[in-house]
Amino acid sequence: MVADLYNKTILSLAGNIARTERLDAPDATVFLDSPLCGSRITVDLKMTGDKVSDYGAEVKACALGQAASAVMAKHVVGQSSAALRQLAKDMRAMLKEKAPPPGGIWAELEVLQPVADYKARHGSVMLP
């Protein structure tokens, strides 16, 4: 049901995104978009070795993309590139195969499980 997609938790996350400023002199910048819904995000990263040391993002997305961005912004600093690749795999599996949501610090992403039933919305959730 579409109401599951826009529940209070998702709307609360969407309205409370941290780290929404672009970084000065990032080590990497990536622009991603979800053409089906028009969501866009520009992410800046600073790395120290293999770990994220700073993060900033300009988010122009639907509530689902904003909610995913909010969770990412909370926890990304200190994460290794391998941990983030695993997170992406876990999210794809949750959306495409209805696998369990990511655990640990990423457990809050469970709120996005209902998106699995709406393939057109997967791209927005995967942006961050």
Foldseek 3Di string as FASTA:
>chain_A
DVCLQVDPLLQVQLVDAPQADADDPAPDWDWDAQVLFGWIKIKGFHDDVQATQGIHMNTDADSLLSNLNRLCRVPRGGDGPVVVVVQLVQLCCCQAVVDQHDDDSSNSCNSNSVCSVPVSCSRSNSRD
